[in-house]
N, C-alpha and C. Protein backbone atom coordinates (compact mmCIF):
# COMPACT_ATOMS: atom_id res chain seq x y z
N UNK A 1 -3.30 -14.33 7.09
CA UNK A 1 -2.70 -15.52 6.50
C UNK A 1 -3.25 -15.76 5.09
N UNK A 2 -2.38 -16.21 4.23
CA UNK A 2 -2.79 -16.52 2.87
C UNK A 2 -3.24 -17.96 2.75
N UNK A 3 -4.22 -18.15 1.91
CA UNK A 3 -4.65 -19.50 1.57
C UNK A 3 -4.54 -19.60 0.05
N UNK A 4 -3.72 -20.53 -0.42
CA UNK A 4 -3.57 -20.73 -1.86
C UNK A 4 -4.10 -22.11 -2.21
N UNK A 5 -4.39 -22.30 -3.49
CA UNK A 5 -5.02 -23.54 -3.95
C UNK A 5 -4.03 -24.66 -4.23
N UNK A 6 -2.83 -24.54 -3.70
CA UNK A 6 -1.79 -25.54 -3.93
C UNK A 6 -1.11 -25.87 -2.61
N UNK A 7 -0.56 -27.07 -2.49
CA UNK A 7 0.32 -27.32 -1.35
C UNK A 7 1.53 -26.39 -1.47
N UNK A 8 1.96 -25.79 -0.39
CA UNK A 8 3.07 -24.83 -0.43
C UNK A 8 4.34 -25.49 0.10
N UNK A 9 5.43 -25.26 -0.63
CA UNK A 9 6.74 -25.77 -0.22
C UNK A 9 7.72 -24.61 -0.16
N UNK A 10 8.46 -24.52 0.92
CA UNK A 10 9.57 -23.59 1.03
C UNK A 10 10.83 -24.34 0.64
N UNK A 11 11.48 -23.89 -0.43
CA UNK A 11 12.69 -24.56 -0.92
C UNK A 11 13.93 -23.95 -0.25
N UNK A 12 13.96 -24.05 1.06
CA UNK A 12 15.07 -23.48 1.84
C UNK A 12 15.11 -24.13 3.21
N UNK A 13 16.30 -24.43 3.67
CA UNK A 13 16.47 -25.00 5.01
C UNK A 13 16.68 -23.92 6.06
N UNK A 14 16.66 -22.66 5.66
CA UNK A 14 16.92 -21.56 6.59
C UNK A 14 15.82 -21.45 7.64
N UNK A 15 16.16 -21.57 8.92
CA UNK A 15 15.13 -21.40 9.95
C UNK A 15 14.56 -19.99 9.97
N UNK A 16 15.35 -19.00 9.55
CA UNK A 16 14.86 -17.63 9.51
C UNK A 16 13.82 -17.45 8.42
N UNK A 17 14.05 -18.03 7.23
CA UNK A 17 13.03 -17.96 6.17
C UNK A 17 11.77 -18.70 6.59
N UNK A 18 11.94 -19.83 7.25
CA UNK A 18 10.79 -20.59 7.75
C UNK A 18 9.94 -19.73 8.67
N UNK A 19 10.58 -19.08 9.63
CA UNK A 19 9.84 -18.25 10.58
C UNK A 19 9.15 -17.07 9.91
N UNK A 20 9.82 -16.46 8.95
CA UNK A 20 9.23 -15.32 8.25
C UNK A 20 8.05 -15.75 7.37
N UNK A 21 8.19 -16.90 6.69
CA UNK A 21 7.08 -17.37 5.85
C UNK A 21 5.87 -17.72 6.71
N UNK A 22 6.10 -18.19 7.92
CA UNK A 22 5.01 -18.52 8.86
C UNK A 22 4.12 -17.31 9.13
N UNK A 23 4.68 -16.11 8.97
CA UNK A 23 3.89 -14.89 9.15
C UNK A 23 2.84 -14.72 8.06
N UNK A 24 3.08 -15.36 6.90
CA UNK A 24 2.17 -15.21 5.76
C UNK A 24 1.34 -16.45 5.48
N UNK A 25 1.95 -17.62 5.65
CA UNK A 25 1.30 -18.89 5.32
C UNK A 25 1.45 -19.83 6.51
N UNK A 26 0.34 -20.35 6.99
CA UNK A 26 0.42 -21.17 8.21
C UNK A 26 0.85 -22.60 7.94
N UNK A 27 0.52 -23.13 6.77
CA UNK A 27 0.78 -24.54 6.50
C UNK A 27 1.64 -24.71 5.26
N UNK A 28 2.87 -25.14 5.45
CA UNK A 28 3.75 -25.41 4.32
C UNK A 28 4.79 -26.44 4.72
N UNK A 29 5.37 -27.04 3.71
CA UNK A 29 6.41 -28.05 3.89
C UNK A 29 7.76 -27.42 3.56
N UNK A 30 8.82 -27.90 4.17
CA UNK A 30 10.17 -27.43 3.87
C UNK A 30 10.93 -28.55 3.17
N UNK A 31 11.41 -28.25 1.97
CA UNK A 31 12.24 -29.19 1.23
C UNK A 31 13.45 -28.42 0.72
N UNK A 32 14.60 -28.74 1.23
CA UNK A 32 15.82 -28.04 0.84
C UNK A 32 16.32 -28.55 -0.52
N UNK A 33 16.75 -27.63 -1.35
CA UNK A 33 17.29 -27.99 -2.66
C UNK A 33 18.80 -28.14 -2.56
N UNK A 34 19.32 -29.16 -3.19
CA UNK A 34 20.76 -29.41 -3.19
C UNK A 34 21.32 -28.90 -4.51
N UNK A 35 21.89 -27.69 -4.48
CA UNK A 35 22.46 -27.11 -5.69
C UNK A 35 23.89 -26.66 -5.40
N UNK A 36 24.68 -26.50 -6.45
CA UNK A 36 26.06 -26.04 -6.33
C UNK A 36 26.06 -24.52 -6.37
N UNK A 37 26.03 -23.89 -5.19
CA UNK A 37 25.92 -22.43 -5.12
C UNK A 37 27.14 -21.73 -5.73
N UNK A 38 28.32 -22.30 -5.55
CA UNK A 38 29.53 -21.66 -6.09
C UNK A 38 29.47 -21.57 -7.61
N UNK A 39 28.92 -22.59 -8.25
CA UNK A 39 28.85 -22.60 -9.71
C UNK A 39 27.86 -21.57 -10.24
N UNK A 40 26.95 -21.10 -9.41
CA UNK A 40 25.91 -20.16 -9.84
C UNK A 40 26.21 -18.72 -9.45
N UNK A 41 27.36 -18.47 -8.83
CA UNK A 41 27.71 -17.12 -8.40
C UNK A 41 28.13 -16.28 -9.59
N UNK A 42 27.58 -15.07 -9.64
CA UNK A 42 27.86 -14.10 -10.70
C UNK A 42 28.56 -12.90 -10.08
N UNK A 43 29.36 -12.14 -10.82
CA UNK A 43 29.96 -10.92 -10.24
C UNK A 43 28.91 -9.92 -9.73
N UNK A 44 27.72 -9.94 -10.30
CA UNK A 44 26.63 -9.05 -9.88
C UNK A 44 25.83 -9.75 -8.78
N UNK A 45 25.80 -9.22 -7.55
CA UNK A 45 25.10 -9.90 -6.46
C UNK A 45 23.60 -10.02 -6.68
N UNK A 46 23.02 -9.11 -7.46
CA UNK A 46 21.58 -9.19 -7.76
C UNK A 46 21.32 -10.42 -8.64
N UNK A 47 22.20 -10.65 -9.61
CA UNK A 47 22.08 -11.83 -10.47
C UNK A 47 22.31 -13.10 -9.65
N UNK A 48 23.31 -13.08 -8.78
CA UNK A 48 23.59 -14.25 -7.93
C UNK A 48 22.37 -14.61 -7.09
N UNK A 49 21.80 -13.63 -6.39
CA UNK A 49 20.65 -13.89 -5.51
C UNK A 49 19.47 -14.46 -6.30
N UNK A 50 19.20 -13.86 -7.46
CA UNK A 50 18.07 -14.33 -8.27
C UNK A 50 18.32 -15.71 -8.84
N UNK A 51 19.52 -15.93 -9.32
CA UNK A 51 19.86 -17.22 -9.93
C UNK A 51 19.78 -18.35 -8.90
N UNK A 52 20.31 -18.12 -7.70
CA UNK A 52 20.27 -19.14 -6.66
C UNK A 52 18.84 -19.45 -6.23
N UNK A 53 18.02 -18.42 -6.06
CA UNK A 53 16.62 -18.64 -5.69
C UNK A 53 15.89 -19.44 -6.76
N UNK A 54 16.12 -19.07 -8.01
CA UNK A 54 15.44 -19.76 -9.12
C UNK A 54 15.86 -21.23 -9.20
N UNK A 55 17.15 -21.50 -9.07
CA UNK A 55 17.63 -22.87 -9.16
C UNK A 55 17.07 -23.73 -8.02
N UNK A 56 16.99 -23.15 -6.82
CA UNK A 56 16.41 -23.89 -5.70
C UNK A 56 14.95 -24.23 -5.97
N UNK A 57 14.20 -23.23 -6.45
CA UNK A 57 12.77 -23.45 -6.71
C UNK A 57 12.56 -24.50 -7.79
N UNK A 58 13.27 -24.40 -8.89
CA UNK A 58 13.05 -25.35 -9.98
C UNK A 58 13.51 -26.76 -9.62
N UNK A 59 14.56 -26.87 -8.79
CA UNK A 59 14.99 -28.19 -8.34
C UNK A 59 13.89 -28.87 -7.52
N UNK A 60 13.24 -28.13 -6.64
CA UNK A 60 12.18 -28.69 -5.82
C UNK A 60 10.90 -28.87 -6.63
N UNK A 61 10.58 -27.89 -7.46
CA UNK A 61 9.33 -27.95 -8.25
C UNK A 61 9.33 -29.16 -9.20
N UNK A 62 10.49 -29.51 -9.74
CA UNK A 62 10.56 -30.65 -10.66
C UNK A 62 10.10 -31.94 -10.00
N UNK A 63 10.23 -32.02 -8.68
CA UNK A 63 9.79 -33.20 -7.93
C UNK A 63 8.37 -33.05 -7.38
N UNK A 64 7.84 -31.82 -7.40
CA UNK A 64 6.52 -31.53 -6.81
C UNK A 64 5.76 -30.57 -7.73
N UNK A 65 5.42 -31.02 -8.95
CA UNK A 65 4.85 -30.11 -9.95
C UNK A 65 3.40 -29.66 -9.68
N UNK A 66 2.77 -30.18 -8.66
CA UNK A 66 1.42 -29.73 -8.32
C UNK A 66 1.43 -28.73 -7.17
N UNK A 67 2.61 -28.27 -6.78
CA UNK A 67 2.75 -27.41 -5.61
C UNK A 67 3.09 -25.98 -6.00
N UNK A 68 2.99 -25.10 -5.02
CA UNK A 68 3.51 -23.75 -5.12
C UNK A 68 4.81 -23.75 -4.32
N UNK A 69 5.90 -23.49 -5.00
CA UNK A 69 7.23 -23.56 -4.37
C UNK A 69 7.80 -22.14 -4.26
N UNK A 70 8.23 -21.80 -3.06
CA UNK A 70 8.83 -20.50 -2.79
C UNK A 70 10.29 -20.72 -2.42
N UNK A 71 11.17 -19.97 -3.05
CA UNK A 71 12.59 -20.08 -2.73
C UNK A 71 13.21 -18.71 -2.61
N UNK A 72 14.25 -18.63 -1.82
CA UNK A 72 14.95 -17.37 -1.66
C UNK A 72 16.42 -17.61 -1.40
N UNK A 73 17.21 -16.61 -1.73
CA UNK A 73 18.63 -16.65 -1.39
C UNK A 73 19.10 -15.23 -1.14
N UNK A 74 19.87 -15.06 -0.09
CA UNK A 74 20.32 -13.74 0.34
C UNK A 74 21.82 -13.59 0.13
N UNK A 75 22.19 -12.46 -0.45
CA UNK A 75 23.60 -12.15 -0.72
C UNK A 75 23.94 -10.83 -0.01
N UNK A 76 25.07 -10.81 0.67
CA UNK A 76 25.57 -9.60 1.31
C UNK A 76 26.72 -9.09 0.45
N UNK A 77 26.66 -7.79 0.08
CA UNK A 77 27.67 -7.26 -0.84
C UNK A 77 28.13 -5.87 -0.42
N UNK A 78 29.42 -5.65 -0.59
CA UNK A 78 30.04 -4.34 -0.36
C UNK A 78 30.45 -3.75 -1.70
N UNK A 79 30.21 -2.45 -1.90
CA UNK A 79 30.72 -1.82 -3.12
C UNK A 79 32.24 -1.98 -3.18
N UNK A 80 32.75 -2.26 -4.38
CA UNK A 80 34.18 -2.50 -4.54
C UNK A 80 34.61 -1.91 -5.88
N UNK A 81 34.99 -0.64 -5.86
CA UNK A 81 35.35 0.02 -7.12
C UNK A 81 34.11 0.13 -8.00
N UNK A 82 34.21 -0.41 -9.21
CA UNK A 82 33.08 -0.39 -10.14
C UNK A 82 32.16 -1.59 -9.96
N UNK A 83 32.51 -2.49 -9.05
CA UNK A 83 31.71 -3.71 -8.89
C UNK A 83 31.34 -3.94 -7.43
N UNK A 84 31.27 -5.22 -7.09
CA UNK A 84 30.84 -5.63 -5.75
C UNK A 84 31.76 -6.72 -5.22
N UNK A 85 31.89 -6.77 -3.91
CA UNK A 85 32.54 -7.89 -3.23
C UNK A 85 31.45 -8.60 -2.43
N UNK A 86 31.18 -9.85 -2.80
CA UNK A 86 30.12 -10.60 -2.13
C UNK A 86 30.70 -11.34 -0.92
N UNK A 87 29.99 -11.20 0.21
CA UNK A 87 30.43 -11.80 1.45
C UNK A 87 29.54 -13.00 1.76
N UNK A 88 30.10 -14.18 1.69
CA UNK A 88 29.34 -15.41 1.85
C UNK A 88 29.25 -15.80 3.33
N UNK A 89 28.77 -17.00 3.57
CA UNK A 89 28.81 -17.56 4.92
C UNK A 89 30.27 -17.84 5.25
N UNK A 90 30.69 -17.56 6.47
CA UNK A 90 32.10 -17.80 6.82
C UNK A 90 32.45 -19.28 6.83
N UNK A 91 33.67 -19.58 6.44
CA UNK A 91 34.14 -20.97 6.42
C UNK A 91 34.64 -21.43 7.78
N UNK A 92 35.09 -20.46 8.60
CA UNK A 92 35.57 -20.77 9.95
C UNK A 92 35.57 -19.47 10.75
N UNK A 93 36.03 -19.53 12.00
CA UNK A 93 36.00 -18.34 12.86
C UNK A 93 36.91 -17.23 12.34
N UNK A 94 38.05 -17.60 11.77
CA UNK A 94 38.95 -16.60 11.21
C UNK A 94 38.31 -15.87 10.04
N UNK A 95 37.59 -16.62 9.20
CA UNK A 95 36.89 -16.02 8.07
C UNK A 95 35.76 -15.11 8.57
N UNK A 96 35.06 -15.53 9.62
CA UNK A 96 34.00 -14.70 10.21
C UNK A 96 34.59 -13.38 10.71
N UNK A 97 35.75 -13.44 11.36
CA UNK A 97 36.41 -12.22 11.85
C UNK A 97 36.78 -11.30 10.69
N UNK A 98 37.27 -11.89 9.61
CA UNK A 98 37.64 -11.09 8.43
C UNK A 98 36.41 -10.39 7.87
N UNK A 99 35.31 -11.14 7.70
CA UNK A 99 34.08 -10.58 7.12
C UNK A 99 33.54 -9.46 8.01
N UNK A 100 33.44 -9.72 9.31
CA UNK A 100 32.93 -8.69 10.22
C UNK A 100 33.83 -7.46 10.26
N UNK A 101 35.14 -7.69 10.12
CA UNK A 101 36.08 -6.58 10.04
C UNK A 101 35.84 -5.72 8.80
N UNK A 102 35.48 -6.37 7.69
CA UNK A 102 35.17 -5.63 6.46
C UNK A 102 33.88 -4.84 6.61
N UNK A 103 32.90 -5.38 7.33
CA UNK A 103 31.62 -4.70 7.50
C UNK A 103 31.70 -3.57 8.52
N UNK A 104 32.62 -3.66 9.46
CA UNK A 104 32.75 -2.69 10.53
C UNK A 104 32.91 -1.26 9.99
N UNK A 105 32.03 -0.36 10.42
CA UNK A 105 32.10 1.03 10.01
C UNK A 105 31.68 1.29 8.58
N UNK A 106 31.12 0.29 7.90
CA UNK A 106 30.74 0.41 6.49
C UNK A 106 29.23 0.23 6.31
N UNK A 107 28.75 0.68 5.16
CA UNK A 107 27.38 0.40 4.75
C UNK A 107 27.44 -0.63 3.63
N UNK A 108 26.66 -1.69 3.76
CA UNK A 108 26.63 -2.73 2.73
C UNK A 108 25.20 -2.94 2.26
N UNK A 109 25.06 -3.72 1.21
CA UNK A 109 23.76 -4.01 0.62
C UNK A 109 23.43 -5.48 0.85
N UNK A 110 22.20 -5.72 1.27
CA UNK A 110 21.69 -7.09 1.42
C UNK A 110 20.64 -7.29 0.33
N UNK A 111 20.88 -8.27 -0.53
CA UNK A 111 19.99 -8.55 -1.66
C UNK A 111 19.39 -9.94 -1.48
N UNK A 112 18.08 -10.03 -1.53
CA UNK A 112 17.42 -11.33 -1.50
C UNK A 112 16.70 -11.54 -2.81
N UNK A 113 17.03 -12.64 -3.47
CA UNK A 113 16.29 -13.05 -4.65
C UNK A 113 15.18 -13.99 -4.20
N UNK A 114 13.98 -13.80 -4.73
CA UNK A 114 12.84 -14.64 -4.39
C UNK A 114 12.21 -15.14 -5.68
N UNK A 115 11.89 -16.44 -5.71
CA UNK A 115 11.19 -17.03 -6.84
C UNK A 115 10.00 -17.82 -6.32
N UNK A 116 8.93 -17.77 -7.09
CA UNK A 116 7.72 -18.53 -6.79
C UNK A 116 7.33 -19.26 -8.07
N UNK A 117 7.14 -20.56 -7.97
CA UNK A 117 6.72 -21.37 -9.12
C UNK A 117 5.50 -22.18 -8.71
N UNK A 118 4.48 -22.15 -9.56
CA UNK A 118 3.27 -22.94 -9.33
C UNK A 118 2.78 -23.43 -10.68
N UNK A 119 1.81 -24.35 -10.72
CA UNK A 119 1.43 -24.95 -12.00
C UNK A 119 1.02 -23.96 -13.09
N UNK A 120 0.50 -22.81 -12.73
CA UNK A 120 0.03 -21.85 -13.74
C UNK A 120 0.97 -20.68 -13.96
N UNK A 121 2.12 -20.68 -13.29
CA UNK A 121 2.99 -19.52 -13.50
C UNK A 121 4.28 -19.53 -12.72
N UNK A 122 4.99 -18.41 -12.88
CA UNK A 122 6.30 -18.20 -12.26
C UNK A 122 6.45 -16.71 -12.01
N UNK A 123 7.01 -16.36 -10.86
CA UNK A 123 7.26 -14.95 -10.54
C UNK A 123 8.60 -14.87 -9.80
N UNK A 124 9.39 -13.86 -10.14
CA UNK A 124 10.68 -13.68 -9.49
C UNK A 124 10.95 -12.20 -9.28
N UNK A 125 11.65 -11.89 -8.19
CA UNK A 125 12.04 -10.52 -7.92
C UNK A 125 13.24 -10.50 -6.99
N UNK A 126 13.89 -9.35 -6.90
CA UNK A 126 14.92 -9.14 -5.89
C UNK A 126 14.51 -7.93 -5.05
N UNK A 127 14.91 -7.98 -3.80
CA UNK A 127 14.70 -6.87 -2.87
C UNK A 127 16.04 -6.54 -2.25
N UNK A 128 16.33 -5.25 -2.10
CA UNK A 128 17.61 -4.88 -1.47
C UNK A 128 17.38 -3.92 -0.31
N UNK A 129 18.25 -4.01 0.67
CA UNK A 129 18.25 -3.13 1.83
C UNK A 129 19.68 -2.68 2.09
N UNK A 130 19.81 -1.47 2.61
CA UNK A 130 21.13 -0.95 2.97
C UNK A 130 21.30 -1.06 4.48
N UNK A 131 22.43 -1.62 4.92
CA UNK A 131 22.69 -1.81 6.34
C UNK A 131 24.00 -1.11 6.70
N UNK A 132 23.91 -0.20 7.67
CA UNK A 132 25.11 0.51 8.14
C UNK A 132 25.56 -0.10 9.46
N UNK A 133 26.82 -0.50 9.50
CA UNK A 133 27.43 -1.06 10.72
C UNK A 133 28.19 0.04 11.46
N UNK A 134 28.12 0.02 12.77
CA UNK A 134 28.97 0.86 13.60
C UNK A 134 30.39 0.29 13.53
N UNK A 135 31.34 1.08 13.99
CA UNK A 135 32.70 0.58 14.10
C UNK A 135 32.73 -0.47 15.21
N UNK A 136 33.27 -1.65 14.92
CA UNK A 136 33.34 -2.73 15.90
C UNK A 136 34.79 -2.92 16.34
N UNK A 137 35.00 -3.11 17.62
CA UNK A 137 36.35 -3.39 18.11
C UNK A 137 36.67 -4.86 17.86
N UNK A 138 37.96 -5.18 17.90
CA UNK A 138 38.38 -6.58 17.74
C UNK A 138 37.77 -7.45 18.82
N UNK A 139 37.66 -6.91 20.03
CA UNK A 139 37.07 -7.67 21.14
C UNK A 139 35.58 -7.93 20.90
N UNK A 140 34.86 -6.94 20.40
CA UNK A 140 33.43 -7.13 20.09
C UNK A 140 33.25 -8.20 19.01
N UNK A 141 34.12 -8.16 18.02
CA UNK A 141 34.05 -9.17 16.94
C UNK A 141 34.31 -10.56 17.52
N UNK A 142 35.36 -10.70 18.34
CA UNK A 142 35.69 -12.00 18.94
C UNK A 142 34.53 -12.51 19.80
N UNK A 143 33.96 -11.63 20.62
CA UNK A 143 32.87 -12.03 21.51
C UNK A 143 31.63 -12.47 20.70
N UNK A 144 31.35 -11.76 19.62
CA UNK A 144 30.20 -12.12 18.80
C UNK A 144 30.43 -13.47 18.11
N UNK A 145 31.62 -13.68 17.59
CA UNK A 145 31.94 -14.95 16.94
C UNK A 145 31.85 -16.10 17.95
N UNK A 146 32.23 -15.86 19.18
CA UNK A 146 32.19 -16.90 20.22
C UNK A 146 30.77 -17.39 20.50
N UNK A 147 29.75 -16.59 20.14
CA UNK A 147 28.36 -17.03 20.31
C UNK A 147 27.98 -18.11 19.30
N UNK A 148 28.75 -18.22 18.20
CA UNK A 148 28.45 -19.18 17.15
C UNK A 148 27.45 -18.68 16.13
N UNK A 149 26.80 -17.58 16.42
CA UNK A 149 25.74 -17.07 15.54
C UNK A 149 26.21 -16.74 14.12
N UNK A 150 27.40 -16.18 13.92
CA UNK A 150 27.79 -15.77 12.57
C UNK A 150 28.04 -16.92 11.59
N UNK A 151 28.20 -18.13 12.09
CA UNK A 151 28.76 -19.19 11.27
C UNK A 151 27.85 -19.70 10.14
N UNK A 152 26.54 -19.51 10.21
CA UNK A 152 25.69 -20.02 9.14
C UNK A 152 24.95 -18.90 8.42
N UNK A 153 25.52 -17.70 8.44
CA UNK A 153 24.83 -16.55 7.87
C UNK A 153 25.70 -15.83 6.84
N UNK A 154 25.09 -15.48 5.72
CA UNK A 154 25.78 -14.65 4.74
C UNK A 154 26.17 -13.34 5.41
N UNK A 155 27.41 -12.94 5.23
CA UNK A 155 27.89 -11.72 5.87
C UNK A 155 28.27 -11.91 7.32
N UNK A 156 28.14 -13.12 7.84
CA UNK A 156 28.57 -13.49 9.20
C UNK A 156 27.84 -12.74 10.31
N UNK A 157 26.58 -12.39 10.07
CA UNK A 157 25.83 -11.75 11.16
C UNK A 157 24.34 -12.00 11.02
N UNK A 158 23.65 -11.90 12.14
CA UNK A 158 22.20 -12.01 12.16
C UNK A 158 21.60 -10.75 12.75
N UNK A 159 20.89 -9.99 11.93
CA UNK A 159 20.25 -8.76 12.39
C UNK A 159 19.29 -9.03 13.55
N UNK A 160 18.59 -10.16 13.48
CA UNK A 160 17.58 -10.49 14.48
C UNK A 160 18.20 -11.02 15.78
N UNK A 161 19.51 -11.14 15.81
CA UNK A 161 20.17 -11.73 16.98
C UNK A 161 21.20 -10.80 17.59
N UNK A 162 22.35 -11.37 17.86
CA UNK A 162 23.39 -10.67 18.59
C UNK A 162 24.07 -9.53 17.86
N UNK A 163 23.88 -9.41 16.55
CA UNK A 163 24.52 -8.33 15.80
C UNK A 163 23.74 -7.03 15.87
N UNK A 164 22.53 -7.06 16.39
CA UNK A 164 21.68 -5.86 16.42
C UNK A 164 22.40 -4.63 17.00
N UNK A 165 23.16 -4.77 18.10
CA UNK A 165 23.83 -3.59 18.67
C UNK A 165 24.89 -2.97 17.75
N UNK A 166 25.36 -3.73 16.76
CA UNK A 166 26.40 -3.22 15.87
C UNK A 166 25.83 -2.47 14.67
N UNK A 167 24.52 -2.49 14.51
CA UNK A 167 23.89 -1.91 13.32
C UNK A 167 23.32 -0.54 13.68
N UNK A 168 23.76 0.48 12.94
CA UNK A 168 23.30 1.84 13.23
C UNK A 168 22.07 2.22 12.42
N UNK A 169 21.87 1.59 11.25
CA UNK A 169 20.73 1.97 10.42
C UNK A 169 20.43 0.89 9.39
N UNK A 170 19.14 0.69 9.14
CA UNK A 170 18.70 -0.17 8.03
C UNK A 170 17.77 0.65 7.16
N UNK A 171 18.11 0.77 5.89
CA UNK A 171 17.24 1.44 4.92
C UNK A 171 16.61 0.34 4.07
N UNK A 172 15.31 0.20 4.17
CA UNK A 172 14.61 -0.85 3.44
C UNK A 172 14.03 -1.87 4.39
N UNK A 173 13.66 -3.00 3.83
CA UNK A 173 12.99 -4.06 4.59
C UNK A 173 13.95 -4.75 5.57
N UNK A 174 13.58 -4.73 6.85
CA UNK A 174 14.35 -5.45 7.86
C UNK A 174 14.22 -6.96 7.62
N UNK A 175 13.01 -7.43 7.27
CA UNK A 175 12.82 -8.85 6.99
C UNK A 175 13.68 -9.32 5.83
N UNK A 176 13.91 -8.44 4.87
CA UNK A 176 14.81 -8.79 3.77
C UNK A 176 16.20 -9.09 4.29
N UNK A 177 16.67 -8.29 5.24
CA UNK A 177 18.01 -8.50 5.81
C UNK A 177 18.04 -9.83 6.57
N UNK A 178 16.93 -10.18 7.21
CA UNK A 178 16.86 -11.44 7.96
C UNK A 178 16.80 -12.63 7.00
N UNK A 179 16.24 -12.44 5.79
CA UNK A 179 16.28 -13.53 4.82
C UNK A 179 15.09 -13.69 3.91
N UNK A 180 13.99 -12.94 4.14
CA UNK A 180 12.83 -13.08 3.25
C UNK A 180 12.02 -11.78 3.29
N UNK A 181 11.97 -11.05 2.17
CA UNK A 181 11.23 -9.79 2.16
C UNK A 181 9.72 -10.04 2.12
N UNK A 182 9.14 -10.21 3.29
CA UNK A 182 7.73 -10.63 3.38
C UNK A 182 6.77 -9.61 2.78
N UNK A 183 7.15 -8.35 2.81
CA UNK A 183 6.27 -7.32 2.25
C UNK A 183 6.09 -7.53 0.74
N UNK A 184 7.18 -7.71 0.03
CA UNK A 184 7.12 -7.95 -1.43
C UNK A 184 6.53 -9.32 -1.72
N UNK A 185 6.85 -10.32 -0.90
CA UNK A 185 6.31 -11.65 -1.10
C UNK A 185 4.80 -11.64 -0.95
N UNK A 186 4.30 -10.91 0.02
CA UNK A 186 2.84 -10.82 0.21
C UNK A 186 2.18 -10.24 -1.03
N UNK A 187 2.76 -9.20 -1.59
CA UNK A 187 2.21 -8.61 -2.83
C UNK A 187 2.17 -9.65 -3.94
N UNK A 188 3.25 -10.40 -4.10
CA UNK A 188 3.32 -11.40 -5.16
C UNK A 188 2.29 -12.52 -4.95
N UNK A 189 2.12 -12.95 -3.71
CA UNK A 189 1.17 -14.04 -3.43
C UNK A 189 -0.28 -13.62 -3.71
N UNK A 190 -0.56 -12.34 -3.58
CA UNK A 190 -1.92 -11.84 -3.87
C UNK A 190 -2.29 -12.02 -5.33
N UNK A 191 -1.27 -12.08 -6.20
CA UNK A 191 -1.51 -12.19 -7.64
C UNK A 191 -1.66 -13.62 -8.14
N UNK A 192 -1.41 -14.58 -7.28
CA UNK A 192 -1.41 -15.98 -7.71
C UNK A 192 -2.83 -16.53 -7.83
N UNK A 193 -3.09 -17.20 -8.94
CA UNK A 193 -4.41 -17.82 -9.18
C UNK A 193 -4.31 -19.32 -9.07
């Protein structure tokens, strides 16, 4: 466990980020930032993830300038010609089915932007992982959506939950796919004074 010389705040309401940060820091507060995510979306998913994480951190840090604030945002993206198609949290069950249908039989990229702000500095990075989905039948998609799990997750799935059987391979950090690349975060926290 890390001990830092500042009160620690996680600028995210994600229960998955909370659980992952608990692996590194035992005592922290959760304060969710209220930002307009749509206004901060960029065609490049790496820029989107970093921009959203940074805006969350600075929104919370402005109210708690004596703290160390950690923020993250995860973007799921499929290659699309020369660019990317970003898959957000589904708006309803039909949207979840569409997203899962797009992921079925494909390999996509999960990008998490992470920002850390404290009184003496700022650090930001992105981490990416490649996730390969098996081919999913319409019935498998319907049954998974019926669990309710896809509805609050970028890309409409949770690696740590019911989607695990649909995933054939993860290249990179599994924790990154869940929502917080703890390996890279641990490295960054070691550098904080």
